[in-house]
Amino acid sequence: MSEALYQSIVLERARHPHFAGRPAVFNAEGQSENRMCGDKISVFLNGTHLRHEAQGCAILAASAELMCEAAISKSADEIAILSDKFERLVQTGEQNPELGDLNALAGIAQYPSRVRCATLPWSALRDAITRAGSTGGAVNG
């Protein structure tokens, strides 16, 4: 994926989020923060929807958006596998065809201090799944 395409996807997702905002009703909320830079995120599950409230950099916002999209109709177990693959992506920069648009964040590997910005939404999602008690059912759809 070219650097220009990476920047385009990241900026587009950060500027025009589709999954942002606290829902009126939700079953579980997960939170995570990066005390080094001040990024904070909450992820909300309500059985059929996954949403987030992100406060921080464009990488955080884009990662949250791409995560929400990638997690559609996935079980908690599938999300755990996807999360592991994503973490490898941002740590190594090696793209994985199974990750789709998440590959836009592969360039983060060149900036180790930003890896936490990209993985923060996934940490909050795992927290929300744990709080919801989901162990295998679909968390959204």
N, C-alpha and C. Protein backbone atom coordinates (compact mmCIF):
# COMPACT_ATOMS: atom_id res chain seq x y z
N MET A 1 0.86 -1.17 0.00
CA MET A 1 0.00 0.00 0.00
C MET A 1 0.90 1.23 0.00
N SER A 2 0.64 2.15 -0.88
CA SER A 2 1.50 3.33 -1.00
C SER A 2 1.30 4.28 0.18
N GLU A 3 2.33 5.09 0.43
CA GLU A 3 2.26 6.07 1.52
C GLU A 3 1.11 7.05 1.30
N ALA A 4 0.87 7.45 0.04
CA ALA A 4 -0.21 8.39 -0.26
C ALA A 4 -1.57 7.77 0.05
N LEU A 5 -1.73 6.49 -0.31
CA LEU A 5 -3.00 5.82 -0.04
C LEU A 5 -3.19 5.65 1.47
N TYR A 6 -2.12 5.31 2.16
CA TYR A 6 -2.16 5.19 3.62
C TYR A 6 -2.65 6.50 4.22
N GLN A 7 -2.04 7.60 3.82
CA GLN A 7 -2.42 8.90 4.38
C GLN A 7 -3.87 9.23 4.05
N SER A 8 -4.29 8.89 2.83
CA SER A 8 -5.65 9.17 2.41
C SER A 8 -6.67 8.41 3.26
N ILE A 9 -6.44 7.12 3.46
CA ILE A 9 -7.36 6.31 4.26
C ILE A 9 -7.39 6.78 5.71
N VAL A 10 -6.22 7.00 6.28
CA VAL A 10 -6.15 7.41 7.68
C VAL A 10 -6.84 8.76 7.88
N LEU A 11 -6.53 9.72 7.03
CA LEU A 11 -7.13 11.05 7.19
C LEU A 11 -8.63 11.02 6.93
N GLU A 12 -9.07 10.27 5.92
CA GLU A 12 -10.50 10.18 5.62
C GLU A 12 -11.26 9.58 6.80
N ARG A 13 -10.74 8.51 7.37
CA ARG A 13 -11.42 7.85 8.49
C ARG A 13 -11.41 8.74 9.73
N ALA A 14 -10.33 9.46 9.95
CA ALA A 14 -10.24 10.33 11.12
C ALA A 14 -11.18 11.53 10.99
N ARG A 15 -11.28 12.07 9.79
CA ARG A 15 -12.09 13.29 9.59
C ARG A 15 -13.58 13.01 9.43
N HIS A 16 -13.92 11.84 8.90
CA HIS A 16 -15.32 11.52 8.60
C HIS A 16 -15.70 10.17 9.21
N PRO A 17 -15.80 10.11 10.53
CA PRO A 17 -16.09 8.83 11.18
C PRO A 17 -17.53 8.37 10.96
N HIS A 18 -17.71 7.07 10.85
CA HIS A 18 -19.04 6.47 10.70
C HIS A 18 -19.50 5.78 11.98
N PHE A 19 -18.56 5.45 12.84
CA PHE A 19 -18.88 4.68 14.04
C PHE A 19 -18.64 5.47 15.32
N ALA A 20 -18.47 6.77 15.21
CA ALA A 20 -18.17 7.61 16.37
C ALA A 20 -19.44 8.03 17.08
N GLY A 21 -19.34 8.14 18.38
CA GLY A 21 -20.44 8.65 19.18
C GLY A 21 -20.95 7.63 20.18
N ARG A 22 -21.30 8.13 21.33
CA ARG A 22 -21.82 7.29 22.41
C ARG A 22 -23.27 6.95 22.08
N PRO A 23 -23.61 5.66 22.01
CA PRO A 23 -25.00 5.29 21.74
C PRO A 23 -25.88 5.53 22.96
N ALA A 24 -27.17 5.71 22.73
CA ALA A 24 -28.10 5.92 23.83
C ALA A 24 -28.21 4.68 24.71
N VAL A 25 -28.10 3.51 24.10
CA VAL A 25 -28.22 2.25 24.82
C VAL A 25 -27.03 1.37 24.46
N PHE A 26 -26.42 0.76 25.46
CA PHE A 26 -25.34 -0.19 25.20
C PHE A 26 -25.25 -1.17 26.35
N ASN A 27 -24.72 -2.36 26.05
CA ASN A 27 -24.59 -3.42 27.05
C ASN A 27 -23.28 -3.35 27.81
N ALA A 28 -22.24 -2.86 27.15
CA ALA A 28 -20.93 -2.82 27.80
C ALA A 28 -20.10 -1.69 27.22
N GLU A 29 -19.23 -1.17 28.06
CA GLU A 29 -18.30 -0.12 27.65
C GLU A 29 -16.90 -0.54 28.07
N GLY A 30 -15.97 -0.40 27.13
CA GLY A 30 -14.58 -0.65 27.44
C GLY A 30 -13.79 0.63 27.25
N GLN A 31 -12.77 0.82 28.04
CA GLN A 31 -11.98 2.05 27.96
C GLN A 31 -10.50 1.73 27.93
N SER A 32 -9.77 2.64 27.32
CA SER A 32 -8.32 2.53 27.31
C SER A 32 -7.75 3.93 27.10
N GLU A 33 -6.57 4.14 27.64
CA GLU A 33 -5.93 5.44 27.44
C GLU A 33 -4.43 5.29 27.36
N ASN A 34 -3.82 6.25 26.70
CA ASN A 34 -2.37 6.32 26.56
C ASN A 34 -1.92 7.53 27.37
N ARG A 35 -1.40 7.29 28.53
CA ARG A 35 -1.00 8.40 29.41
C ARG A 35 0.20 9.17 28.87
N MET A 36 0.94 8.56 27.96
CA MET A 36 2.11 9.24 27.39
C MET A 36 1.69 10.43 26.52
N CYS A 37 0.59 10.26 25.75
CA CYS A 37 0.19 11.32 24.84
C CYS A 37 -1.19 11.89 25.14
N GLY A 38 -1.94 11.27 26.03
CA GLY A 38 -3.25 11.78 26.39
C GLY A 38 -4.41 11.21 25.60
N ASP A 39 -4.14 10.30 24.64
CA ASP A 39 -5.23 9.68 23.89
C ASP A 39 -6.12 8.88 24.83
N LYS A 40 -7.44 8.95 24.58
CA LYS A 40 -8.42 8.19 25.35
C LYS A 40 -9.48 7.66 24.40
N ILE A 41 -10.00 6.48 24.71
CA ILE A 41 -11.08 5.93 23.89
C ILE A 41 -12.01 5.09 24.74
N SER A 42 -13.28 5.17 24.41
CA SER A 42 -14.30 4.28 24.96
C SER A 42 -14.93 3.55 23.77
N VAL A 43 -15.15 2.26 23.93
CA VAL A 43 -15.82 1.45 22.91
C VAL A 43 -17.09 0.90 23.54
N PHE A 44 -18.18 0.98 22.79
CA PHE A 44 -19.49 0.59 23.29
C PHE A 44 -20.05 -0.58 22.49
N LEU A 45 -20.55 -1.60 23.20
CA LEU A 45 -21.22 -2.74 22.59
C LEU A 45 -22.67 -2.72 23.02
N ASN A 46 -23.58 -3.00 22.08
CA ASN A 46 -24.96 -3.21 22.51
C ASN A 46 -25.56 -4.42 21.82
N GLY A 47 -24.73 -5.38 21.50
CA GLY A 47 -25.20 -6.62 20.91
C GLY A 47 -25.23 -6.58 19.39
N THR A 48 -25.74 -5.49 18.85
CA THR A 48 -25.80 -5.40 17.39
C THR A 48 -25.00 -4.23 16.85
N HIS A 49 -24.41 -3.43 17.72
CA HIS A 49 -23.67 -2.26 17.27
C HIS A 49 -22.36 -2.11 18.04
N LEU A 50 -21.40 -1.56 17.37
CA LEU A 50 -20.10 -1.25 17.97
C LEU A 50 -19.81 0.20 17.62
N ARG A 51 -19.61 1.02 18.65
CA ARG A 51 -19.34 2.44 18.45
C ARG A 51 -18.19 2.85 19.36
N HIS A 52 -17.67 4.05 19.12
CA HIS A 52 -16.55 4.52 19.93
C HIS A 52 -16.63 6.02 20.14
N GLU A 53 -15.98 6.47 21.19
CA GLU A 53 -15.71 7.89 21.44
C GLU A 53 -14.21 8.00 21.62
N ALA A 54 -13.55 8.65 20.67
CA ALA A 54 -12.09 8.77 20.71
C ALA A 54 -11.70 10.22 20.90
N GLN A 55 -10.75 10.45 21.78
CA GLN A 55 -10.18 11.77 21.99
C GLN A 55 -8.68 11.63 21.83
N GLY A 56 -8.17 12.17 20.74
CA GLY A 56 -6.73 12.05 20.52
C GLY A 56 -6.36 12.28 19.08
N CYS A 57 -5.31 11.63 18.68
CA CYS A 57 -4.70 11.87 17.37
C CYS A 57 -5.48 11.19 16.24
N ALA A 58 -5.10 11.53 15.01
CA ALA A 58 -5.74 10.97 13.82
C ALA A 58 -5.51 9.46 13.73
N ILE A 59 -4.38 8.99 14.19
CA ILE A 59 -4.11 7.54 14.15
C ILE A 59 -5.10 6.81 15.04
N LEU A 60 -5.34 7.32 16.23
CA LEU A 60 -6.32 6.73 17.14
C LEU A 60 -7.69 6.70 16.49
N ALA A 61 -8.13 7.83 15.96
CA ALA A 61 -9.46 7.92 15.37
C ALA A 61 -9.61 6.99 14.17
N ALA A 62 -8.61 6.96 13.30
CA ALA A 62 -8.66 6.11 12.11
C ALA A 62 -8.65 4.64 12.51
N SER A 63 -7.81 4.28 13.46
CA SER A 63 -7.74 2.90 13.91
C SER A 63 -9.08 2.46 14.50
N ALA A 64 -9.71 3.32 15.27
CA ALA A 64 -11.01 3.00 15.87
C ALA A 64 -12.06 2.77 14.79
N GLU A 65 -12.08 3.62 13.79
CA GLU A 65 -13.03 3.47 12.69
C GLU A 65 -12.81 2.18 11.92
N LEU A 66 -11.55 1.93 11.57
CA LEU A 66 -11.23 0.72 10.81
C LEU A 66 -11.52 -0.54 11.63
N MET A 67 -11.26 -0.47 12.93
CA MET A 67 -11.56 -1.59 13.82
C MET A 67 -13.06 -1.88 13.85
N CYS A 68 -13.86 -0.84 14.02
CA CYS A 68 -15.31 -1.03 14.08
C CYS A 68 -15.82 -1.68 12.79
N GLU A 69 -15.30 -1.23 11.67
CA GLU A 69 -15.72 -1.79 10.39
C GLU A 69 -15.28 -3.25 10.27
N ALA A 70 -14.04 -3.53 10.64
CA ALA A 70 -13.50 -4.90 10.52
C ALA A 70 -14.20 -5.87 11.46
N ALA A 71 -14.74 -5.39 12.56
CA ALA A 71 -15.34 -6.26 13.57
C ALA A 71 -16.80 -6.59 13.31
N ILE A 72 -17.38 -6.00 12.27
CA ILE A 72 -18.79 -6.25 11.97
C ILE A 72 -19.04 -7.75 11.83
N SER A 73 -20.03 -8.24 12.57
CA SER A 73 -20.48 -9.64 12.55
C SER A 73 -19.43 -10.64 13.02
N LYS A 74 -18.41 -10.19 13.69
CA LYS A 74 -17.38 -11.10 14.20
C LYS A 74 -17.73 -11.51 15.63
N SER A 75 -17.37 -12.73 15.96
CA SER A 75 -17.53 -13.20 17.34
C SER A 75 -16.39 -12.64 18.18
N ALA A 76 -16.52 -12.77 19.48
CA ALA A 76 -15.45 -12.32 20.37
C ALA A 76 -14.16 -13.08 20.07
N ASP A 77 -14.26 -14.36 19.78
CA ASP A 77 -13.07 -15.15 19.45
C ASP A 77 -12.42 -14.67 18.15
N GLU A 78 -13.24 -14.37 17.15
CA GLU A 78 -12.72 -13.87 15.87
C GLU A 78 -12.07 -12.50 16.05
N ILE A 79 -12.65 -11.68 16.90
CA ILE A 79 -12.08 -10.36 17.17
C ILE A 79 -10.72 -10.50 17.85
N ALA A 80 -10.59 -11.45 18.75
CA ALA A 80 -9.30 -11.68 19.42
C ALA A 80 -8.22 -12.05 18.40
N ILE A 81 -8.56 -12.89 17.44
CA ILE A 81 -7.61 -13.28 16.39
C ILE A 81 -7.27 -12.07 15.52
N LEU A 82 -8.30 -11.31 15.14
CA LEU A 82 -8.09 -10.12 14.32
C LEU A 82 -7.21 -9.11 15.06
N SER A 83 -7.44 -8.95 16.34
CA SER A 83 -6.65 -8.03 17.16
C SER A 83 -5.18 -8.44 17.17
N ASP A 84 -4.92 -9.73 17.32
CA ASP A 84 -3.53 -10.23 17.31
C ASP A 84 -2.86 -9.95 15.97
N LYS A 85 -3.59 -10.18 14.89
CA LYS A 85 -3.04 -9.93 13.54
C LYS A 85 -2.76 -8.45 13.35
N PHE A 86 -3.67 -7.61 13.85
CA PHE A 86 -3.47 -6.17 13.72
C PHE A 86 -2.26 -5.72 14.51
N GLU A 87 -2.11 -6.25 15.71
CA GLU A 87 -0.96 -5.88 16.53
C GLU A 87 0.35 -6.25 15.83
N ARG A 88 0.39 -7.42 15.21
CA ARG A 88 1.58 -7.81 14.45
C ARG A 88 1.83 -6.84 13.30
N LEU A 89 0.75 -6.43 12.63
CA LEU A 89 0.86 -5.49 11.51
C LEU A 89 1.54 -4.20 11.94
N VAL A 90 1.07 -3.59 13.02
CA VAL A 90 1.62 -2.29 13.40
C VAL A 90 2.97 -2.40 14.08
N GLN A 91 3.32 -3.59 14.53
CA GLN A 91 4.65 -3.77 15.12
C GLN A 91 5.71 -4.11 14.06
N THR A 92 5.29 -4.84 13.02
CA THR A 92 6.26 -5.30 12.01
C THR A 92 6.16 -4.56 10.68
N GLY A 93 4.99 -4.02 10.38
CA GLY A 93 4.77 -3.38 9.09
C GLY A 93 4.44 -4.36 7.98
N GLU A 94 4.40 -5.65 8.29
CA GLU A 94 4.09 -6.67 7.30
C GLU A 94 2.58 -6.76 7.10
N GLN A 95 2.13 -6.41 5.88
CA GLN A 95 0.71 -6.39 5.60
C GLN A 95 0.15 -7.81 5.52
N ASN A 96 -1.13 -7.92 5.82
CA ASN A 96 -1.84 -9.20 5.83
C ASN A 96 -3.12 -9.00 5.03
N PRO A 97 -3.32 -9.75 3.94
CA PRO A 97 -4.53 -9.58 3.13
C PRO A 97 -5.82 -9.74 3.92
N GLU A 98 -5.78 -10.51 5.00
CA GLU A 98 -6.98 -10.72 5.82
C GLU A 98 -7.40 -9.45 6.56
N LEU A 99 -6.53 -8.46 6.64
CA LEU A 99 -6.82 -7.25 7.40
C LEU A 99 -7.46 -6.14 6.57
N GLY A 100 -7.52 -6.29 5.26
CA GLY A 100 -8.18 -5.29 4.42
C GLY A 100 -7.63 -3.89 4.64
N ASP A 101 -8.53 -2.93 4.85
CA ASP A 101 -8.13 -1.53 5.01
C ASP A 101 -7.30 -1.28 6.27
N LEU A 102 -7.32 -2.19 7.22
CA LEU A 102 -6.46 -2.04 8.40
C LEU A 102 -4.99 -1.99 8.00
N ASN A 103 -4.66 -2.55 6.83
CA ASN A 103 -3.29 -2.50 6.34
C ASN A 103 -2.80 -1.06 6.13
N ALA A 104 -3.72 -0.12 6.05
CA ALA A 104 -3.34 1.29 5.89
C ALA A 104 -2.50 1.76 7.06
N LEU A 105 -2.58 1.07 8.18
CA LEU A 105 -1.83 1.46 9.37
C LEU A 105 -0.50 0.73 9.51
N ALA A 106 -0.09 -0.01 8.50
CA ALA A 106 1.18 -0.75 8.55
C ALA A 106 2.37 0.18 8.75
N GLY A 107 2.30 1.38 8.20
CA GLY A 107 3.40 2.34 8.31
C GLY A 107 3.70 2.78 9.73
N ILE A 108 2.77 2.53 10.64
CA ILE A 108 2.97 2.88 12.05
C ILE A 108 4.20 2.17 12.61
N ALA A 109 4.53 1.01 12.05
CA ALA A 109 5.68 0.24 12.54
C ALA A 109 6.97 1.05 12.49
N GLN A 110 7.03 2.03 11.61
CA GLN A 110 8.22 2.89 11.50
C GLN A 110 8.30 3.90 12.64
N TYR A 111 7.23 4.02 13.40
CA TYR A 111 7.16 5.00 14.49
C TYR A 111 6.72 4.28 15.77
N PRO A 112 7.63 3.59 16.43
CA PRO A 112 7.26 2.78 17.60
C PRO A 112 6.46 3.52 18.66
N SER A 113 6.69 4.80 18.81
CA SER A 113 5.95 5.55 19.83
C SER A 113 4.48 5.73 19.46
N ARG A 114 4.12 5.46 18.21
CA ARG A 114 2.73 5.62 17.76
C ARG A 114 1.96 4.29 17.73
N VAL A 115 2.65 3.18 17.95
CA VAL A 115 1.99 1.87 17.93
C VAL A 115 0.86 1.84 18.95
N ARG A 116 1.09 2.39 20.12
CA ARG A 116 0.05 2.40 21.16
C ARG A 116 -1.17 3.19 20.70
N CYS A 117 -0.98 4.26 19.92
CA CYS A 117 -2.11 5.03 19.40
C CYS A 117 -3.01 4.14 18.53
N ALA A 118 -2.39 3.29 17.73
CA ALA A 118 -3.13 2.42 16.81
C ALA A 118 -3.79 1.25 17.53
N THR A 119 -3.17 0.76 18.59
CA THR A 119 -3.71 -0.43 19.28
C THR A 119 -4.67 -0.09 20.42
N LEU A 120 -4.73 1.17 20.80
CA LEU A 120 -5.60 1.58 21.90
C LEU A 120 -7.07 1.18 21.69
N PRO A 121 -7.66 1.39 20.50
CA PRO A 121 -9.05 0.98 20.31
C PRO A 121 -9.27 -0.51 20.53
N TRP A 122 -8.31 -1.32 20.12
CA TRP A 122 -8.42 -2.77 20.28
C TRP A 122 -8.39 -3.15 21.75
N SER A 123 -7.60 -2.46 22.52
CA SER A 123 -7.55 -2.69 23.96
C SER A 123 -8.90 -2.37 24.60
N ALA A 124 -9.50 -1.26 24.18
CA ALA A 124 -10.81 -0.88 24.71
C ALA A 124 -11.89 -1.87 24.27
N LEU A 125 -11.79 -2.38 23.05
CA LEU A 125 -12.76 -3.36 22.58
C LEU A 125 -12.65 -4.66 23.39
N ARG A 126 -11.44 -5.11 23.63
CA ARG A 126 -11.26 -6.32 24.45
C ARG A 126 -11.85 -6.10 25.86
N ASP A 127 -11.65 -4.91 26.40
CA ASP A 127 -12.21 -4.58 27.71
C ASP A 127 -13.74 -4.64 27.67
N ALA A 128 -14.35 -4.08 26.62
CA ALA A 128 -15.81 -4.10 26.50
C ALA A 128 -16.33 -5.52 26.37
N ILE A 129 -15.64 -6.35 25.60
CA ILE A 129 -16.07 -7.74 25.43
C ILE A 129 -15.99 -8.48 26.77
N THR A 130 -14.92 -8.25 27.50
CA THR A 130 -14.78 -8.87 28.82
C THR A 130 -15.90 -8.44 29.75
N ARG A 131 -16.20 -7.16 29.75
CA ARG A 131 -17.26 -6.64 30.62
C ARG A 131 -18.63 -7.18 30.22
N ALA A 132 -18.82 -7.41 28.91
CA ALA A 132 -20.10 -7.94 28.42
C ALA A 132 -20.23 -9.43 28.69
N GLY A 133 -19.10 -10.07 28.99
CA GLY A 133 -19.14 -11.51 29.22
C GLY A 133 -19.23 -12.30 27.94
N SER A 134 -18.91 -11.66 26.80
CA SER A 134 -18.95 -12.35 25.51
C SER A 134 -17.78 -13.29 25.40
N THR A 135 -18.06 -14.54 25.04
CA THR A 135 -16.99 -15.51 24.87
C THR A 135 -17.07 -16.24 23.55
N GLY A 136 -17.97 -15.88 22.70
CA GLY A 136 -18.04 -16.58 21.43
C GLY A 136 -19.19 -16.11 20.57
N GLY A 137 -20.12 -15.38 21.12
CA GLY A 137 -21.24 -14.90 20.32
C GLY A 137 -20.86 -13.65 19.55
N ALA A 138 -21.61 -13.35 18.50
CA ALA A 138 -21.34 -12.15 17.72
C ALA A 138 -21.54 -10.94 18.61
N VAL A 139 -20.63 -9.99 18.52
CA VAL A 139 -20.74 -8.79 19.35
C VAL A 139 -21.38 -7.64 18.60
N ASN A 140 -21.47 -7.76 17.32
CA ASN A 140 -22.14 -6.72 16.53
C ASN A 140 -22.55 -7.28 15.20
N GLY A 141 -23.31 -6.50 14.46
CA GLY A 141 -23.76 -7.02 13.18
C GLY A 141 -24.10 -6.00 12.19
